[in-house]
Amino acid sequence: MSIKAKEIINKRVINRSGCYLGRVIDFDINALTQVIIRYYVQGNLLGFFKSPLIINASQVIKIEKDRIIVEDAIIRKRVIKKKTGSSMEYAK
């Protein structure tokens, strides 16, 4: 499947959960492999003053006619074990 650059720019981007992330404003291509490596996505109208989201091509699940679906971002809490007395407790 091939797609033109003008079809990618301004395409809506949502995550797997259905949350709207913004629209594609730019993308980078690997000159050797000629493959897209990352997308730059601008959030909302006020996004003019914010940095765009950078979405790696490996996070893309599917490119549809009207949108790009990407993996949800996962932020994991770090669990720290601390020793208290004779038992171990987990700090959050």
N, C-alpha and C. Protein backbone atom coordinates (compact mmCIF):
# COMPACT_ATOMS: atom_id res chain seq x y z
N MET A 1 0.84 -1.17 0.00
CA MET A 1 0.00 0.00 0.00
C MET A 1 0.88 1.24 0.00
N SER A 2 0.54 2.19 -0.80
CA SER A 2 1.28 3.46 -0.80
C SER A 2 0.32 4.58 -0.42
N ILE A 3 0.90 5.63 0.11
CA ILE A 3 0.10 6.78 0.54
C ILE A 3 0.92 8.04 0.27
N LYS A 4 0.27 9.08 -0.16
CA LYS A 4 0.96 10.33 -0.47
C LYS A 4 1.15 11.16 0.79
N ALA A 5 2.21 11.97 0.78
CA ALA A 5 2.50 12.83 1.93
C ALA A 5 1.32 13.73 2.27
N LYS A 6 0.65 14.27 1.26
CA LYS A 6 -0.47 15.17 1.53
C LYS A 6 -1.65 14.44 2.17
N GLU A 7 -1.68 13.11 2.07
CA GLU A 7 -2.72 12.33 2.73
C GLU A 7 -2.37 12.05 4.19
N ILE A 8 -1.09 12.14 4.55
CA ILE A 8 -0.66 11.91 5.92
C ILE A 8 -0.74 13.20 6.73
N ILE A 9 -0.27 14.30 6.15
CA ILE A 9 -0.30 15.59 6.85
C ILE A 9 -1.75 15.96 7.14
N ASN A 10 -1.99 16.35 8.36
CA ASN A 10 -3.30 16.78 8.86
C ASN A 10 -4.25 15.60 9.16
N LYS A 11 -3.75 14.37 9.06
CA LYS A 11 -4.59 13.21 9.39
C LYS A 11 -4.76 13.14 10.91
N ARG A 12 -5.98 12.82 11.36
CA ARG A 12 -6.28 12.68 12.78
C ARG A 12 -5.51 11.49 13.36
N VAL A 13 -5.04 11.64 14.61
CA VAL A 13 -4.34 10.56 15.29
C VAL A 13 -5.09 10.27 16.59
N ILE A 14 -5.45 9.01 16.78
CA ILE A 14 -6.09 8.59 18.02
C ILE A 14 -5.34 7.38 18.57
N ASN A 15 -5.48 7.15 19.88
CA ASN A 15 -4.84 5.96 20.44
C ASN A 15 -5.83 4.81 20.45
N ARG A 16 -5.37 3.64 20.82
CA ARG A 16 -6.18 2.43 20.82
C ARG A 16 -7.44 2.59 21.66
N SER A 17 -7.37 3.40 22.72
CA SER A 17 -8.52 3.63 23.60
C SER A 17 -9.52 4.61 23.01
N GLY A 18 -9.18 5.22 21.88
CA GLY A 18 -10.09 6.15 21.23
C GLY A 18 -9.88 7.61 21.57
N CYS A 19 -8.85 7.92 22.35
CA CYS A 19 -8.57 9.32 22.72
C CYS A 19 -7.91 10.05 21.55
N TYR A 20 -8.41 11.23 21.26
CA TYR A 20 -7.86 12.06 20.18
C TYR A 20 -6.55 12.67 20.64
N LEU A 21 -5.49 12.48 19.88
CA LEU A 21 -4.18 13.02 20.24
C LEU A 21 -3.83 14.28 19.46
N GLY A 22 -4.39 14.44 18.28
CA GLY A 22 -4.10 15.60 17.45
C GLY A 22 -4.05 15.23 15.99
N ARG A 23 -3.36 16.07 15.21
CA ARG A 23 -3.22 15.85 13.77
C ARG A 23 -1.74 15.84 13.39
N VAL A 24 -1.41 15.05 12.40
CA VAL A 24 -0.03 14.95 11.92
C VAL A 24 0.36 16.28 11.28
N ILE A 25 1.46 16.86 11.76
CA ILE A 25 1.95 18.11 11.17
C ILE A 25 3.23 17.90 10.37
N ASP A 26 3.91 16.76 10.62
CA ASP A 26 5.16 16.48 9.92
C ASP A 26 5.54 15.02 10.18
N PHE A 27 6.51 14.52 9.45
CA PHE A 27 7.03 13.18 9.68
C PHE A 27 8.45 13.11 9.16
N ASP A 28 9.22 12.16 9.68
CA ASP A 28 10.60 11.94 9.25
C ASP A 28 10.69 10.63 8.48
N ILE A 29 11.54 10.62 7.47
CA ILE A 29 11.76 9.43 6.65
C ILE A 29 13.23 9.05 6.74
N ASN A 30 13.50 7.76 6.90
CA ASN A 30 14.86 7.25 6.87
C ASN A 30 15.31 7.27 5.41
N ALA A 31 16.36 8.01 5.12
CA ALA A 31 16.81 8.17 3.73
C ALA A 31 17.30 6.86 3.11
N LEU A 32 17.85 5.97 3.93
CA LEU A 32 18.35 4.70 3.40
C LEU A 32 17.23 3.71 3.08
N THR A 33 16.31 3.57 4.03
CA THR A 33 15.23 2.58 3.84
C THR A 33 14.00 3.19 3.17
N GLN A 34 13.93 4.50 3.12
CA GLN A 34 12.80 5.23 2.55
C GLN A 34 11.49 4.89 3.25
N VAL A 35 11.57 4.74 4.58
CA VAL A 35 10.42 4.39 5.41
C VAL A 35 10.22 5.48 6.45
N ILE A 36 8.95 5.78 6.77
CA ILE A 36 8.66 6.76 7.83
C ILE A 36 9.15 6.19 9.15
N ILE A 37 9.85 7.01 9.93
CA ILE A 37 10.36 6.55 11.22
C ILE A 37 9.65 7.21 12.40
N ARG A 38 9.10 8.41 12.21
CA ARG A 38 8.35 9.06 13.29
C ARG A 38 7.39 10.09 12.73
N TYR A 39 6.34 10.33 13.50
CA TYR A 39 5.32 11.32 13.15
C TYR A 39 5.32 12.42 14.21
N TYR A 40 5.06 13.65 13.80
CA TYR A 40 4.92 14.77 14.72
C TYR A 40 3.45 15.15 14.73
N VAL A 41 2.86 15.13 15.92
CA VAL A 41 1.42 15.34 16.07
C VAL A 41 1.17 16.55 16.96
N GLN A 42 0.41 17.51 16.44
CA GLN A 42 0.06 18.71 17.21
C GLN A 42 -1.29 18.49 17.86
N GLY A 43 -1.36 18.78 19.16
CA GLY A 43 -2.57 18.54 19.93
C GLY A 43 -3.78 19.34 19.54
N ASN A 44 -3.98 20.48 20.15
CA ASN A 44 -5.20 21.25 19.93
C ASN A 44 -4.86 22.62 19.37
N LEU A 45 -5.85 23.48 19.31
CA LEU A 45 -5.62 24.83 18.78
C LEU A 45 -4.58 25.59 19.59
N LEU A 46 -4.58 25.35 20.90
CA LEU A 46 -3.59 26.02 21.75
C LEU A 46 -2.22 25.36 21.63
N GLY A 47 -2.15 24.25 20.91
CA GLY A 47 -0.91 23.52 20.71
C GLY A 47 0.15 24.33 20.00
N PHE A 48 -0.24 25.49 19.46
CA PHE A 48 0.71 26.38 18.82
C PHE A 48 1.89 26.66 19.73
N PHE A 49 1.62 26.68 21.03
CA PHE A 49 2.65 27.06 22.00
C PHE A 49 3.29 25.86 22.69
N LYS A 50 2.85 24.66 22.32
CA LYS A 50 3.40 23.45 22.92
C LYS A 50 4.20 22.68 21.88
N SER A 51 5.11 21.87 22.37
CA SER A 51 5.86 21.00 21.46
C SER A 51 4.95 19.89 20.96
N PRO A 52 5.13 19.45 19.73
CA PRO A 52 4.29 18.35 19.22
C PRO A 52 4.66 17.02 19.87
N LEU A 53 3.70 16.11 19.87
CA LEU A 53 3.98 14.73 20.29
C LEU A 53 4.84 14.09 19.22
N ILE A 54 5.77 13.26 19.62
CA ILE A 54 6.58 12.52 18.66
C ILE A 54 6.19 11.06 18.81
N ILE A 55 5.65 10.51 17.74
CA ILE A 55 5.17 9.13 17.76
C ILE A 55 6.04 8.30 16.83
N ASN A 56 6.68 7.29 17.39
CA ASN A 56 7.53 6.41 16.61
C ASN A 56 6.67 5.55 15.70
N ALA A 57 7.16 5.26 14.52
CA ALA A 57 6.41 4.45 13.56
C ALA A 57 6.05 3.08 14.12
N SER A 58 6.86 2.56 15.03
CA SER A 58 6.57 1.25 15.63
C SER A 58 5.33 1.28 16.52
N GLN A 59 4.88 2.48 16.91
CA GLN A 59 3.68 2.61 17.74
C GLN A 59 2.39 2.66 16.91
N VAL A 60 2.53 2.76 15.60
CA VAL A 60 1.35 2.85 14.73
C VAL A 60 0.74 1.46 14.56
N ILE A 61 -0.55 1.36 14.87
CA ILE A 61 -1.28 0.11 14.72
C ILE A 61 -1.85 0.01 13.32
N LYS A 62 -2.46 1.11 12.87
CA LYS A 62 -3.17 1.07 11.60
C LYS A 62 -3.32 2.48 11.03
N ILE A 63 -3.17 2.60 9.72
CA ILE A 63 -3.45 3.86 9.03
C ILE A 63 -4.72 3.65 8.22
N GLU A 64 -5.74 4.41 8.58
CA GLU A 64 -7.03 4.32 7.88
C GLU A 64 -7.23 5.55 7.03
N LYS A 65 -8.30 5.57 6.27
CA LYS A 65 -8.57 6.69 5.36
C LYS A 65 -8.62 8.03 6.09
N ASP A 66 -9.25 8.05 7.27
CA ASP A 66 -9.47 9.31 7.97
C ASP A 66 -8.68 9.47 9.26
N ARG A 67 -7.88 8.46 9.64
CA ARG A 67 -7.16 8.55 10.91
C ARG A 67 -6.01 7.55 10.99
N ILE A 68 -5.13 7.81 11.96
CA ILE A 68 -4.04 6.89 12.29
C ILE A 68 -4.29 6.43 13.72
N ILE A 69 -4.25 5.14 13.94
CA ILE A 69 -4.46 4.58 15.27
C ILE A 69 -3.11 4.14 15.82
N VAL A 70 -2.80 4.59 17.05
CA VAL A 70 -1.50 4.28 17.67
C VAL A 70 -1.70 3.59 19.01
N GLU A 71 -0.66 2.94 19.48
CA GLU A 71 -0.69 2.30 20.79
C GLU A 71 -0.90 3.34 21.88
N ASP A 72 -1.54 2.93 22.96
CA ASP A 72 -1.67 3.79 24.14
C ASP A 72 -0.29 3.95 24.77
N ALA A 73 -0.02 5.12 25.31
CA ALA A 73 1.24 5.33 26.04
C ALA A 73 1.08 4.70 27.42
N ILE A 74 2.09 3.97 27.84
CA ILE A 74 2.04 3.32 29.15
C ILE A 74 3.15 3.89 30.01
N ILE A 75 2.77 4.39 31.15
CA ILE A 75 3.75 4.88 32.11
C ILE A 75 3.66 3.96 33.32
N ARG A 76 4.72 3.30 33.60
CA ARG A 76 4.71 2.35 34.72
C ARG A 76 5.25 3.02 35.98
N LYS A 77 4.59 2.73 37.10
CA LYS A 77 5.07 3.21 38.38
C LYS A 77 6.26 2.36 38.80
N ARG A 78 7.23 3.00 39.34
CA ARG A 78 8.37 2.25 39.84
C ARG A 78 8.07 1.83 41.27
N VAL A 79 8.24 0.57 41.54
CA VAL A 79 8.00 0.05 42.88
C VAL A 79 9.34 -0.08 43.58
N ILE A 80 9.43 0.53 44.74
CA ILE A 80 10.67 0.51 45.50
C ILE A 80 10.45 -0.32 46.76
N LYS A 81 11.32 -1.28 46.97
CA LYS A 81 11.24 -2.09 48.18
C LYS A 81 12.04 -1.40 49.26
N LYS A 82 11.45 -1.29 50.42
CA LYS A 82 12.22 -0.74 51.53
C LYS A 82 12.09 -1.68 52.72
N LYS A 83 13.14 -1.82 53.42
CA LYS A 83 13.14 -2.74 54.55
C LYS A 83 12.73 -1.96 55.80
N THR A 84 11.72 -2.48 56.49
CA THR A 84 11.30 -1.87 57.75
C THR A 84 11.22 -2.98 58.78
N GLY A 85 12.05 -2.91 59.74
CA GLY A 85 12.06 -3.94 60.77
C GLY A 85 12.43 -5.29 60.18
N SER A 86 11.57 -6.26 60.38
CA SER A 86 11.86 -7.60 59.89
C SER A 86 11.12 -7.95 58.61
N SER A 87 10.33 -7.00 58.08
CA SER A 87 9.57 -7.33 56.86
C SER A 87 9.87 -6.32 55.76
N MET A 88 9.52 -6.69 54.57
CA MET A 88 9.69 -5.80 53.42
C MET A 88 8.35 -5.14 53.12
N GLU A 89 8.37 -3.85 52.89
CA GLU A 89 7.17 -3.14 52.48
C GLU A 89 7.42 -2.56 51.10
N TYR A 90 6.36 -2.34 50.39
CA TYR A 90 6.48 -1.76 49.05
C TYR A 90 6.02 -0.31 49.10
N ALA A 91 6.87 0.57 48.67
CA ALA A 91 6.53 1.99 48.62
C ALA A 91 5.96 2.31 47.25
N LYS A 92 4.98 3.18 47.23
CA LYS A 92 4.38 3.60 45.95
C LYS A 92 4.82 4.99 45.60
